[in-house]
Protein backbone atom coordinates (compact mmCIF):
# COMPACT_ATOMS: atom_id res chain seq x y z
CA MET A 1 -9.18 29.73 -29.11
CA GLY A 2 -11.75 31.95 -30.79
CA ALA A 3 -15.48 31.29 -30.63
CA ALA A 4 -15.81 30.29 -34.27
CA GLY A 5 -12.92 27.85 -33.96
CA VAL A 6 -14.53 26.24 -30.94
CA ALA A 7 -17.82 25.81 -32.75
CA SER A 8 -16.35 24.16 -35.82
CA ALA A 9 -13.42 22.21 -34.43
CA VAL A 10 -14.45 21.07 -30.99
CA LEU A 11 -18.12 21.01 -30.25
CA PRO A 12 -19.41 18.51 -32.83
CA SER A 13 -17.01 15.81 -31.63
CA ALA A 14 -17.19 16.78 -27.98
CA LEU A 15 -20.92 16.51 -27.46
CA ALA A 16 -22.19 14.40 -30.33
CA PRO A 17 -24.57 11.52 -29.49
CA SER A 18 -22.07 9.03 -30.93
CA THR A 19 -19.65 9.88 -28.10
CA ALA A 20 -22.29 9.14 -25.50
CA LYS A 21 -23.09 5.84 -27.18
CA ALA A 22 -19.47 4.77 -27.12
CA GLU A 23 -19.31 5.42 -23.37
CA VAL A 24 -22.63 3.68 -22.80
CA ARG A 25 -21.08 0.47 -24.15
CA TYR A 26 -18.51 0.73 -21.40
CA LEU A 27 -21.12 1.59 -18.84
CA GLU A 28 -23.28 -1.37 -19.79
CA GLY A 29 -20.53 -3.62 -18.47
CA VAL A 30 -19.11 -5.15 -21.65
CA GLU A 31 -15.57 -4.58 -20.44
CA VAL A 32 -16.47 -5.87 -16.97
CA LYS A 33 -17.48 -9.22 -18.49
CA SER A 34 -14.51 -9.41 -20.80
CA VAL A 35 -11.84 -8.96 -18.13
CA ARG A 36 -13.15 -11.42 -15.52
CA SER A 37 -12.63 -15.17 -15.45
CA ALA A 38 -15.36 -17.47 -14.15
CA ASN A 39 -13.71 -17.96 -10.73
CA ASP A 40 -12.37 -14.42 -10.31
CA LYS A 41 -14.18 -13.50 -7.11
CA ILE A 42 -13.57 -10.37 -5.07
CA ARG A 43 -14.69 -10.76 -1.47
CA ILE A 44 -15.52 -7.73 0.65
CA GLY A 45 -15.15 -7.08 4.34
CA LEU A 46 -17.17 -4.04 5.40
CA ILE A 47 -15.99 -1.97 8.35
CA GLY A 48 -18.69 0.48 9.39
CA THR A 49 -22.18 -0.72 8.53
CA GLY A 50 -23.99 2.60 8.70
CA GLY A 51 -25.89 4.19 5.83
CA MET A 52 -22.82 4.90 3.69
CA GLY A 53 -21.32 1.47 4.28
CA ILE A 54 -24.54 -0.30 3.35
CA GLY A 55 -24.93 1.86 0.26
CA ASP A 56 -21.36 1.14 -0.80
CA VAL A 57 -21.79 -2.62 -0.47
CA GLN A 58 -25.12 -2.68 -2.28
CA THR A 59 -23.53 -0.81 -5.17
CA ALA A 60 -20.37 -2.94 -5.15
CA LEU A 61 -22.44 -6.13 -5.32
CA GLY A 62 -23.81 -4.89 -8.65
CA VAL A 63 -20.39 -5.46 -10.21
CA PRO A 64 -20.09 -9.07 -11.45
CA GLY A 65 -17.91 -11.35 -9.35
CA VAL A 66 -18.18 -9.43 -6.07
CA GLU A 67 -19.55 -10.78 -2.78
CA ILE A 68 -19.53 -9.75 0.88
CA VAL A 69 -18.28 -12.17 3.51
CA ALA A 70 -17.78 -10.11 6.69
CA ALA A 71 -18.90 -6.93 8.44
CA ALA A 72 -17.80 -5.01 11.53
CA ASP A 73 -19.50 -2.28 13.50
CA LEU A 74 -19.49 -0.97 17.06
CA TYR A 75 -23.30 -1.05 17.40
CA THR A 76 -24.85 -4.50 17.63
CA GLY A 77 -28.04 -3.42 15.87
CA ARG A 78 -26.12 -2.69 12.69
CA LEU A 79 -24.53 -6.11 12.76
CA GLU A 80 -28.03 -7.60 12.99
CA ARG A 81 -29.06 -5.45 10.03
CA ALA A 82 -26.05 -6.66 8.04
CA LYS A 83 -27.20 -10.28 8.45
CA GLU A 84 -30.74 -9.29 7.43
CA LEU A 85 -29.36 -7.76 4.25
CA TRP A 86 -26.68 -10.27 3.28
CA GLY A 87 -27.55 -13.52 5.03
CA ASN A 88 -26.96 -15.29 8.35
CA GLN A 89 -23.76 -16.82 6.99
CA LEU A 90 -22.14 -13.38 7.12
CA PHE A 91 -19.34 -13.13 9.67
CA THR A 92 -19.91 -10.16 11.98
CA THR A 93 -17.82 -8.65 14.75
CA ARG A 94 -17.23 -5.51 16.77
CA ASP A 95 -13.46 -5.83 16.30
CA TYR A 96 -12.39 -4.82 12.78
CA ARG A 97 -9.05 -6.58 13.26
CA GLU A 98 -10.83 -9.93 13.13
CA ILE A 99 -11.85 -9.11 9.56
CA LEU A 100 -8.32 -8.10 8.61
CA ASN A 101 -7.10 -11.49 9.83
CA ARG A 102 -9.48 -13.44 7.57
CA SER A 103 -7.93 -15.06 4.50
CA ASP A 104 -11.25 -14.99 2.64
CA VAL A 105 -11.36 -11.14 2.62
CA ASP A 106 -9.72 -9.44 -0.37
CA VAL A 107 -11.10 -5.91 -0.03
CA ILE A 108 -11.93 -3.64 2.88
CA ILE A 109 -14.59 -0.98 2.54
CA ASN A 110 -13.71 1.55 5.23
CA ALA A 111 -16.95 3.41 5.95
CA THR A 112 -16.26 4.36 9.54
CA VAL A 113 -16.31 7.65 11.40
CA ASP A 114 -13.71 10.15 10.10
CA HIS A 115 -11.30 9.89 13.03
CA TRP A 116 -10.85 6.14 12.36
CA HIS A 117 -10.25 6.39 8.60
CA ALA A 118 -6.46 6.56 8.66
CA GLN A 119 -5.77 3.85 11.23
CA ILE A 120 -8.11 1.30 9.71
CA SER A 121 -6.88 2.00 6.17
CA ILE A 122 -3.24 1.61 7.19
CA ASP A 123 -3.96 -1.57 9.17
CA ALA A 124 -5.87 -3.02 6.22
CA LEU A 125 -3.10 -2.25 3.71
CA LYS A 126 -0.55 -3.78 6.08
CA ALA A 127 -2.73 -6.89 6.31
CA GLY A 128 -2.58 -7.27 2.53
CA LYS A 129 -6.08 -6.00 1.77
CA HIS A 130 -7.14 -3.62 -0.98
CA VAL A 131 -8.94 -0.61 0.49
CA TYR A 132 -11.89 1.52 -0.55
CA CYS A 133 -11.94 4.35 2.01
CA GLU A 134 -14.83 6.75 2.31
CA LYS A 135 -14.09 10.46 2.13
CA PRO A 136 -12.55 12.46 3.63
CA MET A 137 -9.52 10.19 3.46
CA VAL A 138 -8.15 11.41 6.80
CA LYS A 139 -9.00 13.74 9.66
CA PHE A 140 -5.52 15.28 9.93
CA VAL A 141 -3.05 16.16 7.18
CA GLU A 142 -0.23 14.23 8.89
CA GLU A 143 -2.34 11.06 8.71
CA GLY A 144 -2.65 11.50 4.96
CA HIS A 145 1.09 11.13 4.49
CA GLU A 146 1.01 7.94 6.56
CA VAL A 147 -1.71 6.51 4.30
CA ILE A 148 0.31 7.43 1.20
CA LYS A 149 3.34 5.72 2.72
CA ALA A 150 1.32 2.57 3.46
CA GLN A 151 -0.16 2.46 -0.05
CA ASN A 152 3.33 2.68 -1.55
CA GLN A 153 4.87 0.22 0.91
CA TYR A 154 2.29 -2.56 0.73
CA LYS A 155 1.49 -2.23 -3.00
CA LYS A 156 -2.26 -2.67 -2.62
CA VAL A 157 -5.00 -0.80 -4.47
CA PHE A 158 -6.35 2.16 -2.53
CA GLN A 159 -9.33 4.19 -3.66
CA VAL A 160 -10.98 7.15 -1.91
CA GLY A 161 -14.77 7.08 -2.04
CA SER A 162 -15.59 10.49 -3.46
CA GLN A 163 -17.51 8.82 -6.24
CA TYR A 164 -18.48 11.90 -8.26
CA VAL A 165 -15.07 11.93 -9.95
CA SER A 166 -16.11 8.75 -11.77
CA SER A 167 -19.22 10.36 -13.24
CA ILE A 168 -19.53 10.37 -17.02
CA ILE A 169 -20.60 14.01 -16.63
CA HIS A 170 -17.33 15.02 -14.98
CA LYS A 171 -15.34 13.04 -17.51
CA LYS A 172 -17.04 15.04 -20.25
CA ALA A 173 -16.42 18.32 -18.42
CA GLY A 174 -12.72 17.52 -18.19
CA GLU A 175 -12.56 16.77 -21.91
CA LEU A 176 -14.21 20.07 -22.79
CA ILE A 177 -11.91 22.07 -20.52
CA ARG A 178 -8.78 20.40 -21.90
CA GLN A 179 -9.99 21.13 -25.44
CA GLY A 180 -10.21 24.83 -24.58
CA VAL A 181 -13.94 25.16 -25.15
CA ILE A 182 -14.36 27.71 -22.33
CA GLY A 183 -10.90 29.25 -22.73
CA GLU A 184 -8.79 30.03 -19.69
CA ILE A 185 -10.43 29.37 -16.33
CA ASN A 186 -11.03 32.54 -14.31
CA PHE A 187 -13.41 31.50 -11.58
CA ALA A 188 -15.25 28.50 -10.17
CA GLU A 189 -18.10 28.21 -7.70
CA ALA A 190 -19.96 25.38 -6.04
CA GLN A 191 -22.63 25.05 -3.42
CA ILE A 192 -24.65 22.40 -1.65
CA ASP A 193 -27.81 23.57 0.12
CA ARG A 194 -29.98 21.29 2.23
CA HIS A 195 -33.41 21.78 3.72
CA ASP A 196 -34.02 18.71 5.83
CA ALA A 197 -32.92 17.26 9.16
CA LEU A 198 -31.11 14.24 7.73
CA GLY A 199 -29.19 16.52 5.38
CA ALA A 200 -28.12 18.47 8.45
CA TRP A 201 -26.84 15.21 10.03
CA GLN A 202 -29.71 14.82 12.49
CA TYR A 203 -29.59 11.06 12.08
CA THR A 204 -31.99 8.70 13.86
CA ILE A 205 -30.85 7.29 17.20
CA PRO A 206 -32.09 3.73 17.94
CA LEU A 207 -34.09 3.20 21.12
CA ASP A 208 -31.66 0.62 22.50
CA ALA A 209 -28.57 2.85 22.17
CA GLY A 210 -26.44 2.50 25.28
CA PRO A 211 -23.19 1.13 26.73
CA ASP A 212 -24.48 -2.45 26.33
CA THR A 213 -25.11 -2.14 22.58
CA VAL A 214 -22.37 0.35 21.63
CA ASP A 215 -18.61 -0.16 22.12
CA TRP A 216 -18.07 3.41 23.25
CA ASP A 217 -14.46 3.04 24.41
CA THR A 218 -13.28 1.65 21.07
CA TYR A 219 -15.25 4.31 19.22
CA LEU A 220 -13.47 7.09 21.10
CA GLY A 221 -10.02 5.86 20.10
CA LYS A 222 -7.57 8.65 20.94
CA VAL A 223 -10.34 11.12 21.78
CA LYS A 224 -10.77 12.20 25.40
CA LYS A 225 -12.94 9.86 27.48
CA PRO A 226 -16.35 11.51 28.03
CA PRO A 227 -19.29 9.43 29.31
CA PHE A 228 -21.45 7.66 26.75
CA ASP A 229 -23.41 10.04 24.51
CA ALA A 230 -25.65 8.49 21.87
CA LYS A 231 -25.76 11.73 19.88
CA GLN A 232 -21.99 11.84 19.53
CA PHE A 233 -22.01 8.25 18.28
CA PHE A 234 -24.92 8.29 15.86
CA ARG A 235 -24.67 11.97 14.88
CA TRP A 236 -20.90 12.12 14.86
CA ARG A 237 -20.66 14.52 11.91
CA ASN A 238 -21.82 17.29 14.25
CA TYR A 239 -18.72 17.11 16.44
CA GLN A 240 -15.12 18.15 15.82
CA ASP A 241 -13.75 15.20 17.83
CA PHE A 242 -15.12 12.67 15.36
CA GLY A 243 -15.97 14.38 12.07
CA THR A 244 -14.68 17.13 9.83
CA GLY A 245 -17.83 19.24 9.53
CA ALA A 246 -19.25 20.67 6.35
CA ALA A 247 -15.81 21.00 4.79
CA GLY A 248 -14.80 17.38 5.24
CA ASP A 249 -18.22 15.96 4.44
CA LEU A 250 -19.18 18.11 1.45
CA TYR A 251 -16.38 20.41 0.31
CA VAL A 252 -14.14 17.39 -0.25
CA HIS A 253 -16.59 16.18 -2.93
CA LEU A 254 -16.52 19.55 -4.66
CA LEU A 255 -12.73 19.86 -4.54
CA SER A 256 -12.36 16.29 -5.81
CA MET A 257 -14.55 17.11 -8.78
CA LEU A 258 -12.75 20.37 -9.49
CA HIS A 259 -9.31 18.75 -9.34
CA PHE A 260 -10.47 15.92 -11.58
CA VAL A 261 -11.92 18.10 -14.34
CA THR A 262 -9.17 20.75 -14.28
CA GLY A 263 -6.13 18.59 -13.48
CA SER A 264 -5.32 20.90 -10.58
CA LYS A 265 -3.26 19.82 -7.59
CA GLY A 266 -4.96 22.30 -5.31
CA PRO A 267 -5.07 25.85 -3.93
CA THR A 268 -2.37 27.80 -2.13
CA ARG A 269 -4.54 29.96 0.16
CA VAL A 270 -7.69 29.03 2.06
CA MET A 271 -10.16 31.26 3.91
CA SER A 272 -13.40 30.29 5.66
CA THR A 273 -16.26 31.81 7.59
CA GLY A 274 -19.73 30.80 8.76
CA GLY A 275 -21.50 29.84 11.96
CA ILE A 276 -24.14 27.77 13.73
CA ARG A 277 -27.31 29.55 12.64
CA TYR A 278 -30.20 27.12 13.10
CA TRP A 279 -29.10 23.69 14.35
CA LYS A 280 -28.34 24.72 17.94
CA ASP A 281 -28.49 21.11 19.07
CA GLY A 282 -25.14 20.79 20.81
CA ARG A 283 -23.07 20.55 17.64
CA ASP A 284 -19.79 22.42 17.44
CA VAL A 285 -19.42 22.56 13.64
CA PRO A 286 -21.09 25.26 11.48
CA ASP A 287 -24.32 24.65 9.63
CA VAL A 288 -23.51 27.57 7.30
CA ASN A 289 -20.01 27.66 5.85
CA ILE A 290 -18.36 29.69 3.09
CA GLY A 291 -14.89 28.86 1.80
CA MET A 292 -12.61 30.83 -0.53
CA PHE A 293 -9.63 29.28 -2.28
CA ASP A 294 -6.83 30.75 -4.44
CA TYR A 295 -5.57 28.42 -7.19
CA PRO A 296 -2.19 29.27 -8.74
CA GLN A 297 -1.29 29.07 -12.40
CA SER A 298 0.01 25.68 -13.50
CA LYS A 299 0.73 23.85 -16.73
CA GLU A 300 -2.81 22.45 -16.55
CA HIS A 301 -4.72 25.71 -16.02
CA SER A 302 -4.54 29.45 -15.49
CA ALA A 303 -4.79 30.99 -12.02
CA PHE A 304 -8.36 31.20 -10.73
CA ASN A 305 -10.46 31.68 -7.62
CA LEU A 306 -12.95 29.25 -6.11
CA THR A 307 -15.82 29.88 -3.72
CA LEU A 308 -17.67 27.08 -1.94
CA ARG A 309 -20.81 27.25 0.15
CA THR A 310 -22.56 24.74 2.35
CA ASN A 311 -25.92 25.78 3.71
CA LEU A 312 -27.80 23.33 5.95
CA VAL A 313 -30.46 25.92 6.78
CA SER A 314 -31.76 26.57 3.28
CA GLY A 315 -35.06 28.35 3.08
CA GLY A 316 -35.65 27.46 -0.56
CA GLY A 317 -35.20 23.71 -0.66
CA ASP A 318 -32.19 21.67 -1.65
CA ASN A 319 -29.89 23.17 -4.25
CA TYR A 320 -26.69 22.06 -5.94
CA LEU A 321 -24.33 24.03 -8.17
CA PHE A 322 -20.93 23.35 -9.66
CA ARG A 323 -19.85 25.94 -12.24
CA ILE A 324 -16.55 26.71 -13.95
CA VAL A 325 -16.19 30.06 -15.72
CA GLY A 326 -13.66 30.72 -18.47
CA SER A 327 -12.78 33.47 -20.92
CA GLU A 328 -14.87 31.83 -23.67
CA GLY A 329 -17.85 30.57 -21.69
CA ASP A 330 -18.81 28.43 -18.70
CA ILE A 331 -19.75 24.89 -17.78
CA SER A 332 -22.43 24.10 -15.20
CA ILE A 333 -22.43 20.55 -13.90
CA GLY A 334 -25.51 18.91 -12.37
CA TRP A 335 -26.14 15.42 -11.02
CA ASP A 336 -27.07 14.01 -14.42
CA ASN A 337 -26.32 16.73 -16.95
CA LEU A 338 -23.78 19.26 -18.12
CA VAL A 339 -24.64 22.64 -19.65
CA LEU A 340 -22.06 24.41 -21.80
CA ARG A 341 -22.64 28.08 -22.55
CA ARG A 342 -20.38 29.85 -25.03
CA THR A 343 -20.18 33.51 -24.07
CA PRO A 344 -16.75 34.86 -25.05
CA PHE A 345 -15.56 37.75 -22.93
CA PRO A 346 -15.11 40.97 -24.96
CA GLU A 347 -11.56 41.61 -26.12
CA ALA A 348 -12.11 45.29 -26.92
CA PRO A 349 -12.85 48.12 -24.49
CA GLY A 350 -16.36 49.45 -24.50
CA LEU A 351 -17.56 52.58 -26.32
CA SER A 352 -19.27 55.11 -24.04
CA LEU A 353 -19.90 57.95 -26.49
CA GLY A 354 -22.93 59.85 -25.28
CA SER A 355 -21.01 62.63 -23.52
CA PHE A 356 -18.84 63.48 -26.57
CA PRO A 357 -19.67 65.69 -29.58
CA THR A 358 -21.09 63.88 -32.62
CA ALA A 359 -17.96 64.39 -34.70
CA MET A 360 -15.79 62.89 -31.96
CA GLN A 361 -18.16 59.93 -31.62
CA GLU A 362 -17.71 59.09 -35.31
CA LYS A 363 -13.94 59.35 -35.11
CA LEU A 364 -13.90 57.10 -32.01
CA LYS A 365 -16.06 54.49 -33.76
CA GLU A 366 -13.77 54.47 -36.79
CA ALA A 367 -10.61 54.15 -34.68
CA HIS A 368 -12.17 51.42 -32.54
CA ALA A 369 -13.19 49.38 -35.61
CA LYS A 370 -9.64 49.54 -37.03
CA GLN A 371 -7.96 48.56 -33.77
CA TYR A 372 -10.46 45.85 -32.77
CA PRO A 373 -11.87 44.03 -35.82
CA ALA A 374 -15.18 42.33 -35.21
CA ARG A 375 -15.05 38.67 -34.25
CA PRO A 376 -16.57 36.15 -36.65
CA ALA A 377 -20.17 35.41 -35.76
CA MET A 378 -20.51 32.52 -33.32
CA GLU A 379 -22.01 29.43 -34.85
CA GLU A 380 -25.15 28.04 -33.28
CA PRO A 381 -25.99 26.63 -30.85
CA LYS A 382 -24.57 28.87 -28.19
CA GLU A 383 -25.77 26.50 -25.47
CA LEU A 384 -25.37 22.73 -25.44
CA ILE A 385 -26.55 20.13 -22.94
CA TYR A 386 -24.98 16.74 -22.33
CA ARG A 387 -27.03 14.20 -20.31
CA THR A 388 -26.31 10.81 -18.85
CA PRO A 389 -27.56 7.91 -21.00
CA LYS A 390 -30.80 6.22 -19.92
CA ASP A 391 -29.05 3.01 -18.91
CA TYR A 392 -26.29 4.77 -16.98
CA LYS A 393 -25.67 2.95 -13.71
CA GLY A 394 -24.38 5.97 -11.82
CA ASP A 395 -21.10 7.39 -10.61
CA ARG A 396 -20.89 5.19 -7.51
CA PHE A 397 -21.13 2.05 -9.65
CA GLU A 398 -18.46 3.43 -11.99
CA HIS A 399 -16.24 4.25 -9.01
CA PHE A 400 -16.44 0.69 -7.73
CA TYR A 401 -15.99 -0.71 -11.22
CA ASN A 402 -12.81 1.32 -11.57
CA PHE A 403 -11.64 0.08 -8.16
CA PHE A 404 -12.25 -3.60 -8.93
CA ASP A 405 -10.82 -3.25 -12.43
CA SER A 406 -7.64 -1.92 -10.87
CA ILE A 407 -7.46 -4.94 -8.56
CA ARG A 408 -8.05 -7.39 -11.41
CA ASN A 409 -6.06 -5.77 -14.18
CA GLY A 410 -3.68 -3.25 -12.66
CA LYS A 411 -5.37 -0.21 -14.16
CA PRO A 412 -4.87 3.02 -12.16
CA VAL A 413 -7.64 4.19 -9.86
CA VAL A 414 -9.00 7.70 -10.30
CA GLU A 415 -8.60 8.63 -6.64
CA ASP A 416 -5.53 7.18 -4.94
CA ALA A 417 -4.09 8.34 -1.61
CA VAL A 418 -2.22 11.30 -3.13
CA PHE A 419 -5.35 12.52 -4.90
CA GLY A 420 -7.29 11.94 -1.66
CA LEU A 421 -4.96 14.09 0.42
CA ARG A 422 -4.87 16.85 -2.18
CA ALA A 423 -8.66 16.92 -2.03
CA CYS A 424 -9.16 16.72 1.73
CA GLY A 425 -6.11 18.73 2.81
CA PRO A 426 -7.59 22.08 1.72
CA THR A 427 -10.86 21.20 3.49
CA LEU A 428 -8.94 20.59 6.71
CA ALA A 429 -7.23 23.95 6.14
CA CYS A 430 -10.71 25.39 5.70
CA ASN A 431 -11.66 24.18 9.18
CA ILE A 432 -8.48 25.66 10.65
CA SER A 433 -9.30 28.98 8.99
CA TYR A 434 -12.82 28.92 10.43
CA TYR A 435 -11.90 28.04 14.00
CA GLU A 436 -8.73 30.15 14.19
CA ASN A 437 -10.11 33.07 12.18
CA ARG A 438 -7.14 33.35 9.83
CA ILE A 439 -5.92 32.73 6.29
CA VAL A 440 -4.24 29.33 5.92
CA GLU A 441 -1.54 28.63 3.35
CA TRP A 442 -1.54 25.20 1.72
CA ASP A 443 1.26 23.68 -0.34
CA PRO A 444 -0.42 21.54 -3.03
CA GLU A 445 2.85 19.95 -4.13
CA LYS A 446 4.15 18.88 -0.72
CA MET A 447 0.61 18.55 0.64
CA ILE A 448 1.32 20.40 3.88
CA ILE A 449 -0.19 23.32 5.77
CA LYS A 450 2.48 26.02 5.70
CA LYS A 451 1.08 28.24 8.45
C-alpha cells in the first residue's frame, strides 16, 4: 500500500479518538457487569504467594464477582502475609494439593517458581480447576506439550500470565499492522534494561529463612538435593535449576507481544550470547543477554529478523523498547503509548551524479524520472501517537477480565497453552543456544526443538 493510500484510507479510522472511546466503554467494565449474574462468584486459590502472586490476586479482585478463599506457599511468612492481606478466614497451607481438593475453589493462580509451573498446572486442570499460570508456561519444551494435552483433555480454561498481550496498546498495534500501515515487516527489536538490584532479581531474604520456615525438600522437587540455601529459594530466578533466566523471565513477554501483534507462530532459528558481567553473586544465568531470531514468511507476515536484549547492568537507568519496522514505516510500543511513523522506504535507486559529466547527469535524471515516477506527497501528519485512556485499568486487569470472561461465557482466552508454548519455547531454545554455544532450530508448527 502506498503512503498516500495509507494516509487517506487507514489512519483516520485507525487512530481517531472515537476508536479509543469505544474501547474505553469496554475497559470501564460495562460488559463485565452485563455478563454476570448476582450470584456468579469466581473463587480463587493462590499457589505461590510471592510478589507476583500477590499482585495477580490484588488485580483479579478488582474484577466484579471474584474472591480469594485459599493460598499455598512453602514459606510460612508468606502465608502469614496472605492472611494479613485477605483476612484470617483465608485457608492457608504448604501443600498445594490441599487447595486442589477444595470444592470451594474454582480457579488456581499458579505463581510458583518456574520448575513447578507444569506439574501444578496439570494437577489443577485434572482436579477440575481453571488455571491462570504465570509465565513462562513451562521450564522444558516437553512439559509444554503435557500442559496442552491436559488443557484439551480436561476442558478447563487455561491462561498464561504474560499480561501485555491484553494491552489496548498492543491491540491497536495489531490492527495497524494487519491494515498494512507499515507495509511488510522487515525487522523487529526489543529491549528491557534495568538499573536496580530488585530488577536484577536480588530479592530480599527474610531474617527467619531456614529449614523450619521453608519446605526446602518440596521446593526442590526433581532437582538434586543440595543443603538448604536461602538465596536459591528467595532469589530463584538467578539459578538454572529453578528459573529460566533473562530469556524465560523477560524475553517471553516480548515474544508474546510480537506474536500477538503480528499473528506469528514463532521463529525457526535462535541464537544467543551474553554473560555475567556485574552480578557475580553466585548466579549461573547471564545478567546481559542478546538473542537473535529468524522468522519465516507466513500467510500473516513477511519474513523478518528479531533482536532482543536484556541488560540488568544498565548504566543509563531503566529503558524499554519494542519496535516493529516495515517497508512503509515503523511502530514503537511503550507501556502506555504507541508511536506510528510513516517513512516509506525508497522504491527507486539513488542518483549519485557528481562524478559524471554534466550532460550525462541530465540524461540520467531524465531517464530516472521516466522509470521511477515520483510518489504522491504523503499527507500529514507523518507521525501519530496513540495513548491509553485516562481511566484505563491496565493490561493485567484486562488479562484477568479476559480470563474470567472465558470461564463465565466461553469466550476464547488470548493466551492458551498453545500460545504459551509458542512464546516460551523459543526462549528455552535461547538458553540452549547460550549455554551450548550453538544455533538452535525451532519448529513453530510442531513446537519442538529440532537440534
